Amino acid sequence: HTARALANFPLTGETLADRPHMIRALAAVKCAAARA
C-alpha cells in the first residue's frame, strides 16, 4: 500500500519522516490497540 501511495501521491516532497511526533503518535495508537 505504501509503495502504491509513493507512486500516486508525490505532491509536496515532505513525508511522515519529517514529522517525528506524528510517527511516535501513530506507534502509540497501534501499541494501545494491540494491548486492548
PDB file of all heavy atoms in Angstrom:
ATOM      1  N   HIS A   1       0.833  -1.205   0.000  1.00  0.00           N
ATOM      2  CA  HIS A   1       0.000   0.000   0.000  1.00  0.00           C
ATOM      3  C   HIS A   1       0.868   1.255   0.000  1.00  0.00           C
ATOM      4  O   HIS A   1       0.591   2.214  -0.732  1.00  0.00           O
ATOM      5  CB  HIS A   1      -0.933   0.010   1.212  1.00  0.00           C
ATOM      6  CG  HIS A   1      -1.959   1.093   1.154  1.00  0.00           C
ATOM      7  ND1 HIS A   1      -3.300   0.848   0.932  1.00  0.00           N
ATOM      8  CD2 HIS A   1      -1.848   2.442   1.247  1.00  0.00           C
ATOM      9  CE1 HIS A   1      -3.957   1.999   0.891  1.00  0.00           C
ATOM     10  NE2 HIS A   1      -3.100   2.977   1.096  1.00  0.00           N
ATOM     11  N   THR A   2       1.923   1.241   0.810  1.00  0.00           N
ATOM     12  CA  THR A   2       2.816   2.396   0.853  1.00  0.00           C
ATOM     13  C   THR A   2       3.502   2.603  -0.487  1.00  0.00           C
ATOM     14  O   THR A   2       3.659   3.742  -0.952  1.00  0.00           O
ATOM     15  CB  THR A   2       3.862   2.220   1.968  1.00  0.00           C
ATOM     16  OG1 THR A   2       3.183   2.035   3.211  1.00  0.00           O
ATOM     17  CG2 THR A   2       4.779   3.425   2.062  1.00  0.00           C
ATOM     18  N   ALA A   3       3.918   1.505  -1.121  1.00  0.00           N
ATOM     19  CA  ALA A   3       4.564   1.611  -2.430  1.00  0.00           C
ATOM     20  C   ALA A   3       3.625   2.250  -3.447  1.00  0.00           C
ATOM     21  O   ALA A   3       4.040   3.083  -4.263  1.00  0.00           O
ATOM     22  CB  ALA A   3       5.015   0.234  -2.906  1.00  0.00           C
ATOM     23  N   ARG A   4       2.344   1.883  -3.396  1.00  0.00           N
ATOM     24  CA  ARG A   4       1.381   2.497  -4.315  1.00  0.00           C
ATOM     25  C   ARG A   4       1.181   3.977  -3.984  1.00  0.00           C
ATOM     26  O   ARG A   4       1.033   4.822  -4.876  1.00  0.00           O
ATOM     27  CB  ARG A   4       0.046   1.754  -4.242  1.00  0.00           C
ATOM     28  CG  ARG A   4       0.101   0.329  -4.792  1.00  0.00           C
ATOM     29  CD  ARG A   4      -1.297  -0.221  -5.001  1.00  0.00           C
ATOM     30  NE  ARG A   4      -1.290  -1.631  -5.322  1.00  0.00           N
ATOM     31  CZ  ARG A   4      -1.004  -2.143  -6.528  1.00  0.00           C
ATOM     32  NH1 ARG A   4      -0.694  -1.326  -7.525  1.00  0.00           N
ATOM     33  NH2 ARG A   4      -1.029  -3.454  -6.740  1.00  0.00           N
ATOM     34  N   ALA A   5       1.158   4.317  -2.700  1.00  0.00           N
ATOM     35  CA  ALA A   5       0.989   5.715  -2.309  1.00  0.00           C
ATOM     36  C   ALA A   5       2.161   6.566  -2.791  1.00  0.00           C
ATOM     37  O   ALA A   5       1.982   7.723  -3.194  1.00  0.00           O
ATOM     38  CB  ALA A   5       0.856   5.820  -0.790  1.00  0.00           C
ATOM     39  N   LEU A   6       3.367   6.003  -2.762  1.00  0.00           N
ATOM     40  CA  LEU A   6       4.536   6.725  -3.252  1.00  0.00           C
ATOM     41  C   LEU A   6       4.375   7.078  -4.729  1.00  0.00           C
ATOM     42  O   LEU A   6       4.778   8.155  -5.177  1.00  0.00           O
ATOM     43  CB  LEU A   6       5.795   5.895  -3.040  1.00  0.00           C
ATOM     44  CG  LEU A   6       6.307   5.786  -1.605  1.00  0.00           C
ATOM     45  CD1 LEU A   6       7.474   4.800  -1.538  1.00  0.00           C
ATOM     46  CD2 LEU A   6       6.732   7.140  -1.079  1.00  0.00           C
ATOM     47  N   ALA A   7       3.785   6.150  -5.482  1.00  0.00           N
ATOM     48  CA  ALA A   7       3.593   6.385  -6.914  1.00  0.00           C
ATOM     49  C   ALA A   7       2.435   7.336  -7.186  1.00  0.00           C
ATOM     50  O   ALA A   7       2.480   8.141  -8.123  1.00  0.00           O
ATOM     51  CB  ALA A   7       3.350   5.056  -7.625  1.00  0.00           C
ATOM     52  N   ASN A   8       1.406   7.286  -6.345  1.00  0.00           N
ATOM     53  CA  ASN A   8       0.182   8.042  -6.611  1.00  0.00           C
ATOM     54  C   ASN A   8       0.182   9.455  -6.043  1.00  0.00           C
ATOM     55  O   ASN A   8      -0.521  10.335  -6.563  1.00  0.00           O
ATOM     56  CB  ASN A   8      -1.032   7.286  -6.051  1.00  0.00           C
ATOM     57  CG  ASN A   8      -1.303   6.006  -6.800  1.00  0.00           C
ATOM     58  OD1 ASN A   8      -0.984   5.893  -7.977  1.00  0.00           O
ATOM     59  ND2 ASN A   8      -1.897   5.030  -6.120  1.00  0.00           N
ATOM     60  N   PHE A   9       0.929   9.699  -4.961  1.00  0.00           N
ATOM     61  CA  PHE A   9       0.842  10.990  -4.280  1.00  0.00           C
ATOM     62  C   PHE A   9       2.204  11.633  -4.039  1.00  0.00           C
ATOM     63  O   PHE A   9       2.554  11.960  -2.901  1.00  0.00           O
ATOM     64  CB  PHE A   9       0.118  10.825  -2.931  1.00  0.00           C
ATOM     65  CG  PHE A   9      -1.212  10.131  -3.028  1.00  0.00           C
ATOM     66  CD1 PHE A   9      -1.432   8.937  -2.355  1.00  0.00           C
ATOM     67  CD2 PHE A   9      -2.235  10.674  -3.783  1.00  0.00           C
ATOM     68  CE1 PHE A   9      -2.651   8.290  -2.439  1.00  0.00           C
ATOM     69  CE2 PHE A   9      -3.458  10.031  -3.876  1.00  0.00           C
ATOM     70  CZ  PHE A   9      -3.675   8.834  -3.207  1.00  0.00           C
ATOM     71  N   PRO A  10       2.985  11.865  -5.090  1.00  0.00           N
ATOM     72  CA  PRO A  10       4.257  12.597  -4.910  1.00  0.00           C
ATOM     73  C   PRO A  10       4.022  14.102  -4.978  1.00  0.00           C
ATOM     74  O   PRO A  10       4.389  14.756  -5.951  1.00  0.00           O
ATOM     75  CB  PRO A  10       5.090  12.098  -6.090  1.00  0.00           C
ATOM     76  CG  PRO A  10       4.076  11.861  -7.172  1.00  0.00           C
ATOM     77  CD  PRO A  10       2.793  11.438  -6.490  1.00  0.00           C
ATOM     78  N   LEU A  11       3.385  14.661  -3.939  1.00  0.00           N
ATOM     79  CA  LEU A  11       2.850  16.011  -4.049  1.00  0.00           C
ATOM     80  C   LEU A  11       3.754  17.107  -3.484  1.00  0.00           C
ATOM     81  O   LEU A  11       4.018  18.103  -4.154  1.00  0.00           O
ATOM     82  CB  LEU A  11       1.480  16.078  -3.358  1.00  0.00           C
ATOM     83  CG  LEU A  11       0.423  15.114  -3.927  1.00  0.00           C
ATOM     84  CD1 LEU A  11      -0.860  15.196  -3.131  1.00  0.00           C
ATOM     85  CD2 LEU A  11       0.158  15.424  -5.397  1.00  0.00           C
ATOM     86  N   THR A  12       4.220  16.962  -2.247  1.00  0.00           N
ATOM     87  CA  THR A  12       4.899  18.080  -1.597  1.00  0.00           C
ATOM     88  C   THR A  12       6.392  17.859  -1.385  1.00  0.00           C
ATOM     89  O   THR A  12       7.125  18.818  -1.176  1.00  0.00           O
ATOM     90  CB  THR A  12       4.281  18.358  -0.212  1.00  0.00           C
ATOM     91  OG1 THR A  12       4.593  17.271   0.676  1.00  0.00           O
ATOM     92  CG2 THR A  12       2.772  18.520  -0.317  1.00  0.00           C
ATOM     93  N   GLY A  13       6.831  16.621  -1.391  1.00  0.00           N
ATOM     94  CA  GLY A  13       8.223  16.331  -1.060  1.00  0.00           C
ATOM     95  C   GLY A  13       8.465  16.206   0.429  1.00  0.00           C
ATOM     96  O   GLY A  13       9.552  15.821   0.863  1.00  0.00           O
ATOM     97  N   GLU A  14       7.454  16.549   1.244  1.00  0.00           N
ATOM     98  CA  GLU A  14       7.541  16.347   2.689  1.00  0.00           C
ATOM     99  C   GLU A  14       6.857  15.036   3.040  1.00  0.00           C
ATOM    100  O   GLU A  14       5.752  14.754   2.576  1.00  0.00           O
ATOM    101  CB  GLU A  14       6.875  17.494   3.440  1.00  0.00           C
ATOM    102  CG  GLU A  14       7.615  18.803   3.378  1.00  0.00           C
ATOM    103  CD  GLU A  14       7.030  19.810   4.359  1.00  0.00           C
ATOM    104  OE1 GLU A  14       7.294  19.675   5.562  1.00  0.00           O
ATOM    105  OE2 GLU A  14       6.305  20.708   3.900  1.00  0.00           O
ATOM    106  N   THR A  15       7.519  14.259   3.880  1.00  0.00           N
ATOM    107  CA  THR A  15       6.984  12.942   4.213  1.00  0.00           C
ATOM    108  C   THR A  15       6.761  12.815   5.718  1.00  0.00           C
ATOM    109  O   THR A  15       7.138  13.686   6.505  1.00  0.00           O
ATOM    110  CB  THR A  15       7.956  11.831   3.771  1.00  0.00           C
ATOM    111  OG1 THR A  15       9.137  11.878   4.590  1.00  0.00           O
ATOM    112  CG2 THR A  15       8.322  11.985   2.301  1.00  0.00           C
ATOM    113  N   LEU A  16       6.164  11.700   6.109  1.00  0.00           N
ATOM    114  CA  LEU A  16       5.972  11.430   7.531  1.00  0.00           C
ATOM    115  C   LEU A  16       7.290  11.469   8.295  1.00  0.00           C
ATOM    116  O   LEU A  16       7.314  11.824   9.477  1.00  0.00           O
ATOM    117  CB  LEU A  16       5.328  10.051   7.708  1.00  0.00           C
ATOM    118  CG  LEU A  16       3.807   9.966   7.741  1.00  0.00           C
ATOM    119  CD1 LEU A  16       3.373   8.522   7.887  1.00  0.00           C
ATOM    120  CD2 LEU A  16       3.241  10.818   8.870  1.00  0.00           C
ATOM    121  N   ALA A  17       8.373  11.084   7.638  1.00  0.00           N
ATOM    122  CA  ALA A  17       9.683  11.100   8.302  1.00  0.00           C
ATOM    123  C   ALA A  17      10.055  12.495   8.787  1.00  0.00           C
ATOM    124  O   ALA A  17      10.871  12.633   9.708  1.00  0.00           O
ATOM    125  CB  ALA A  17      10.755  10.562   7.357  1.00  0.00           C
ATOM    126  N   ASP A  18       9.470  13.529   8.190  1.00  0.00           N
ATOM    127  CA  ASP A  18       9.724  14.905   8.611  1.00  0.00           C
ATOM    128  C   ASP A  18       8.892  15.306   9.832  1.00  0.00           C
ATOM    129  O   ASP A  18       9.021  16.433  10.318  1.00  0.00           O
ATOM    130  CB  ASP A  18       9.409  15.872   7.463  1.00  0.00           C
ATOM    131  CG  ASP A  18      10.280  15.630   6.244  1.00  0.00           C
ATOM    132  OD1 ASP A  18      11.490  15.428   6.424  1.00  0.00           O
ATOM    133  OD2 ASP A  18       9.735  15.644   5.123  1.00  0.00           O
ATOM    134  N   ARG A  19       8.041  14.399  10.306  1.00  0.00           N
ATOM    135  CA  ARG A  19       7.157  14.689  11.435  1.00  0.00           C
ATOM    136  C   ARG A  19       7.305  13.592  12.499  1.00  0.00           C
ATOM    137  O   ARG A  19       6.427  12.749  12.667  1.00  0.00           O
ATOM    138  CB  ARG A  19       5.700  14.785  10.968  1.00  0.00           C
ATOM    139  CG  ARG A  19       5.436  15.887   9.956  1.00  0.00           C
ATOM    140  CD  ARG A  19       5.581  17.270  10.604  1.00  0.00           C
ATOM    141  NE  ARG A  19       5.231  18.341   9.664  1.00  0.00           N
ATOM    142  CZ  ARG A  19       6.095  18.936   8.864  1.00  0.00           C
ATOM    143  NH1 ARG A  19       7.372  18.562   8.861  1.00  0.00           N
ATOM    144  NH2 ARG A  19       5.703  19.898   8.049  1.00  0.00           N
ATOM    145  N   PRO A  20       8.421  13.581  13.230  1.00  0.00           N
ATOM    146  CA  PRO A  20       8.659  12.501  14.203  1.00  0.00           C
ATOM    147  C   PRO A  20       7.596  12.402  15.289  1.00  0.00           C
ATOM    148  O   PRO A  20       7.309  11.308  15.774  1.00  0.00           O
ATOM    149  CB  PRO A  20      10.034  12.850  14.795  1.00  0.00           C
ATOM    150  CG  PRO A  20      10.266  14.279  14.455  1.00  0.00           C
ATOM    151  CD  PRO A  20       9.547  14.526  13.174  1.00  0.00           C
ATOM    152  N   HIS A  21       6.986  13.532  15.676  1.00  0.00           N
ATOM    153  CA  HIS A  21       5.923  13.466  16.682  1.00  0.00           C
ATOM    154  C   HIS A  21       4.739  12.647  16.157  1.00  0.00           C
ATOM    155  O   HIS A  21       4.103  11.903  16.927  1.00  0.00           O
ATOM    156  CB  HIS A  21       5.444  14.872  17.052  1.00  0.00           C
ATOM    157  CG  HIS A  21       6.384  15.609  17.955  1.00  0.00           C
ATOM    158  ND1 HIS A  21       6.945  15.052  19.089  1.00  0.00           N
ATOM    159  CD2 HIS A  21       6.865  16.879  17.902  1.00  0.00           C
ATOM    160  CE1 HIS A  21       7.719  15.933  19.690  1.00  0.00           C
ATOM    161  NE2 HIS A  21       7.698  17.045  18.985  1.00  0.00           N
ATOM    162  N   MET A  22       4.437  12.794  14.875  1.00  0.00           N
ATOM    163  CA  MET A  22       3.329  12.037  14.295  1.00  0.00           C
ATOM    164  C   MET A  22       3.664  10.552  14.238  1.00  0.00           C
ATOM    165  O   MET A  22       2.804   9.702  14.495  1.00  0.00           O
ATOM    166  CB  MET A  22       3.012  12.578  12.897  1.00  0.00           C
ATOM    167  CG  MET A  22       1.786  11.965  12.247  1.00  0.00           C
ATOM    168  SD  MET A  22       0.267  12.296  13.169  1.00  0.00           S
ATOM    169  CE  MET A  22      -0.947  11.483  12.105  1.00  0.00           C
ATOM    170  N   ILE A  23       4.893  10.224  13.917  1.00  0.00           N
ATOM    171  CA  ILE A  23       5.300   8.819  13.867  1.00  0.00           C
ATOM    172  C   ILE A  23       5.176   8.184  15.254  1.00  0.00           C
ATOM    173  O   ILE A  23       4.639   7.080  15.420  1.00  0.00           O
ATOM    174  CB  ILE A  23       6.738   8.690  13.341  1.00  0.00           C
ATOM    175  CG1 ILE A  23       6.806   9.135  11.878  1.00  0.00           C
ATOM    176  CG2 ILE A  23       7.247   7.253  13.486  1.00  0.00           C
ATOM    177  CD1 ILE A  23       8.217   9.210  11.330  1.00  0.00           C
ATOM    178  N   ARG A  24       5.677   8.893  16.273  1.00  0.00           N
ATOM    179  CA  ARG A  24       5.581   8.359  17.628  1.00  0.00           C
ATOM    180  C   ARG A  24       4.122   8.227  18.063  1.00  0.00           C
ATOM    181  O   ARG A  24       3.745   7.267  18.750  1.00  0.00           O
ATOM    182  CB  ARG A  24       6.349   9.263  18.598  1.00  0.00           C
ATOM    183  CG  ARG A  24       7.854   9.102  18.496  1.00  0.00           C
ATOM    184  CD  ARG A  24       8.571   9.784  19.650  1.00  0.00           C
ATOM    185  NE  ARG A  24       8.527  11.239  19.537  1.00  0.00           N
ATOM    186  CZ  ARG A  24       9.463  11.949  18.920  1.00  0.00           C
ATOM    187  NH1 ARG A  24      10.501  11.352  18.348  1.00  0.00           N
ATOM    188  NH2 ARG A  24       9.373  13.267  18.864  1.00  0.00           N
ATOM    189  N   ALA A  25       3.286   9.174  17.648  1.00  0.00           N
ATOM    190  CA  ALA A  25       1.871   9.112  17.996  1.00  0.00           C
ATOM    191  C   ALA A  25       1.187   7.915  17.340  1.00  0.00           C
ATOM    192  O   ALA A  25       0.386   7.219  17.966  1.00  0.00           O
ATOM    193  CB  ALA A  25       1.177  10.411  17.589  1.00  0.00           C
ATOM    194  N   LEU A  26       1.493   7.668  16.083  1.00  0.00           N
ATOM    195  CA  LEU A  26       0.922   6.509  15.396  1.00  0.00           C
ATOM    196  C   LEU A  26       1.329   5.214  16.094  1.00  0.00           C
ATOM    197  O   LEU A  26       0.507   4.308  16.285  1.00  0.00           O
ATOM    198  CB  LEU A  26       1.374   6.491  13.933  1.00  0.00           C
ATOM    199  CG  LEU A  26       0.735   7.520  13.011  1.00  0.00           C
ATOM    200  CD1 LEU A  26       1.548   7.662  11.722  1.00  0.00           C
ATOM    201  CD2 LEU A  26      -0.704   7.125  12.677  1.00  0.00           C
ATOM    202  N   ALA A  27       2.585   5.131  16.488  1.00  0.00           N
ATOM    203  CA  ALA A  27       3.061   3.933  17.180  1.00  0.00           C
ATOM    204  C   ALA A  27       2.358   3.769  18.524  1.00  0.00           C
ATOM    205  O   ALA A  27       2.041   2.644  18.940  1.00  0.00           O
ATOM    206  CB  ALA A  27       4.576   3.991  17.366  1.00  0.00           C
ATOM    207  N   ALA A  28       2.094   4.883  19.205  1.00  0.00           N
ATOM    208  CA  ALA A  28       1.388   4.813  20.486  1.00  0.00           C
ATOM    209  C   ALA A  28      -0.027   4.281  20.305  1.00  0.00           C
ATOM    210  O   ALA A  28      -0.504   3.448  21.088  1.00  0.00           O
ATOM    211  CB  ALA A  28       1.354   6.196  21.139  1.00  0.00           C
ATOM    212  N   VAL A  29      -0.718   4.745  19.252  1.00  0.00           N
ATOM    213  CA  VAL A  29      -2.071   4.277  18.976  1.00  0.00           C
ATOM    214  C   VAL A  29      -2.062   2.786  18.658  1.00  0.00           C
ATOM    215  O   VAL A  29      -2.891   2.016  19.171  1.00  0.00           O
ATOM    216  CB  VAL A  29      -2.689   5.080  17.810  1.00  0.00           C
ATOM    217  CG1 VAL A  29      -4.020   4.458  17.367  1.00  0.00           C
ATOM    218  CG2 VAL A  29      -2.897   6.533  18.215  1.00  0.00           C
ATOM    219  N   LYS A  30      -1.126   2.349  17.825  1.00  0.00           N
ATOM    220  CA  LYS A  30      -1.071   0.938  17.436  1.00  0.00           C
ATOM    221  C   LYS A  30      -0.729   0.043  18.627  1.00  0.00           C
ATOM    222  O   LYS A  30      -1.240  -1.072  18.752  1.00  0.00           O
ATOM    223  CB  LYS A  30      -0.052   0.744  16.307  1.00  0.00           C
ATOM    224  CG  LYS A  30      -0.395   1.485  15.023  1.00  0.00           C
ATOM    225  CD  LYS A  30      -1.720   1.014  14.446  1.00  0.00           C
ATOM    226  CE  LYS A  30      -2.121   1.836  13.235  1.00  0.00           C
ATOM    227  NZ  LYS A  30      -3.407   1.380  12.661  1.00  0.00           N
ATOM    228  N   CYS A  31       0.149   0.526  19.495  1.00  0.00           N
ATOM    229  CA  CYS A  31       0.507  -0.233  20.686  1.00  0.00           C
ATOM    230  C   CYS A  31      -0.702  -0.381  21.604  1.00  0.00           C
ATOM    231  O   CYS A  31      -0.985  -1.475  22.112  1.00  0.00           O
ATOM    232  CB  CYS A  31       1.657   0.452  21.413  1.00  0.00           C
ATOM    233  SG  CYS A  31       2.227  -0.419  22.892  1.00  0.00           S
ATOM    234  N   ALA A  32      -1.415   0.719  21.828  1.00  0.00           N
ATOM    235  CA  ALA A  32      -2.594   0.674  22.688  1.00  0.00           C
ATOM    236  C   ALA A  32      -3.651  -0.268  22.115  1.00  0.00           C
ATOM    237  O   ALA A  32      -4.300  -1.032  22.855  1.00  0.00           O
ATOM    238  CB  ALA A  32      -3.170   2.080  22.846  1.00  0.00           C
ATOM    239  N   ALA A  33      -3.830  -0.235  20.796  1.00  0.00           N
ATOM    240  CA  ALA A  33      -4.817  -1.108  20.163  1.00  0.00           C
ATOM    241  C   ALA A  33      -4.427  -2.571  20.319  1.00  0.00           C
ATOM    242  O   ALA A  33      -5.279  -3.424  20.594  1.00  0.00           O
ATOM    243  CB  ALA A  33      -4.958  -0.749  18.689  1.00  0.00           C
ATOM    244  N   ALA A  34      -3.143  -2.891  20.139  1.00  0.00           N
ATOM    245  CA  ALA A  34      -2.692  -4.278  20.279  1.00  0.00           C
ATOM    246  C   ALA A  34      -2.940  -4.784  21.694  1.00  0.00           C
ATOM    247  O   ALA A  34      -3.399  -5.919  21.900  1.00  0.00           O
ATOM    248  CB  ALA A  34      -1.204  -4.388  19.923  1.00  0.00           C
ATOM    249  N   ARG A  35      -2.641  -3.957  22.688  1.00  0.00           N
ATOM    250  CA  ARG A  35      -2.854  -4.362  24.073  1.00  0.00           C
ATOM    251  C   ARG A  35      -4.338  -4.544  24.377  1.00  0.00           C
ATOM    252  O   ARG A  35      -4.740  -5.491  25.054  1.00  0.00           O
ATOM    253  CB  ARG A  35      -2.236  -3.324  25.012  1.00  0.00           C
ATOM    254  CG  ARG A  35      -0.718  -3.333  24.991  1.00  0.00           C
ATOM    255  CD  ARG A  35      -0.130  -2.212  25.811  1.00  0.00           C
ATOM    256  NE  ARG A  35       1.335  -2.302  25.868  1.00  0.00           N
ATOM    257  CZ  ARG A  35       2.121  -1.357  26.361  1.00  0.00           C
ATOM    258  NH1 ARG A  35       1.593  -0.243  26.846  1.00  0.00           N
ATOM    259  NH2 ARG A  35       3.431  -1.518  26.384  1.00  0.00           N
ATOM    260  N   ALA A  36      -5.171  -3.617  23.876  1.00  0.00           N
ATOM    261  CA  ALA A  36      -6.609  -3.728  24.096  1.00  0.00           C
ATOM    262  C   ALA A  36      -7.167  -4.972  23.409  1.00  0.00           C
ATOM    263  O   ALA A  36      -7.988  -5.700  23.991  1.00  0.00           O
ATOM    264  CB  ALA A  36      -7.311  -2.474  23.585  1.00  0.00           C
TER     265      ALA A  36
END
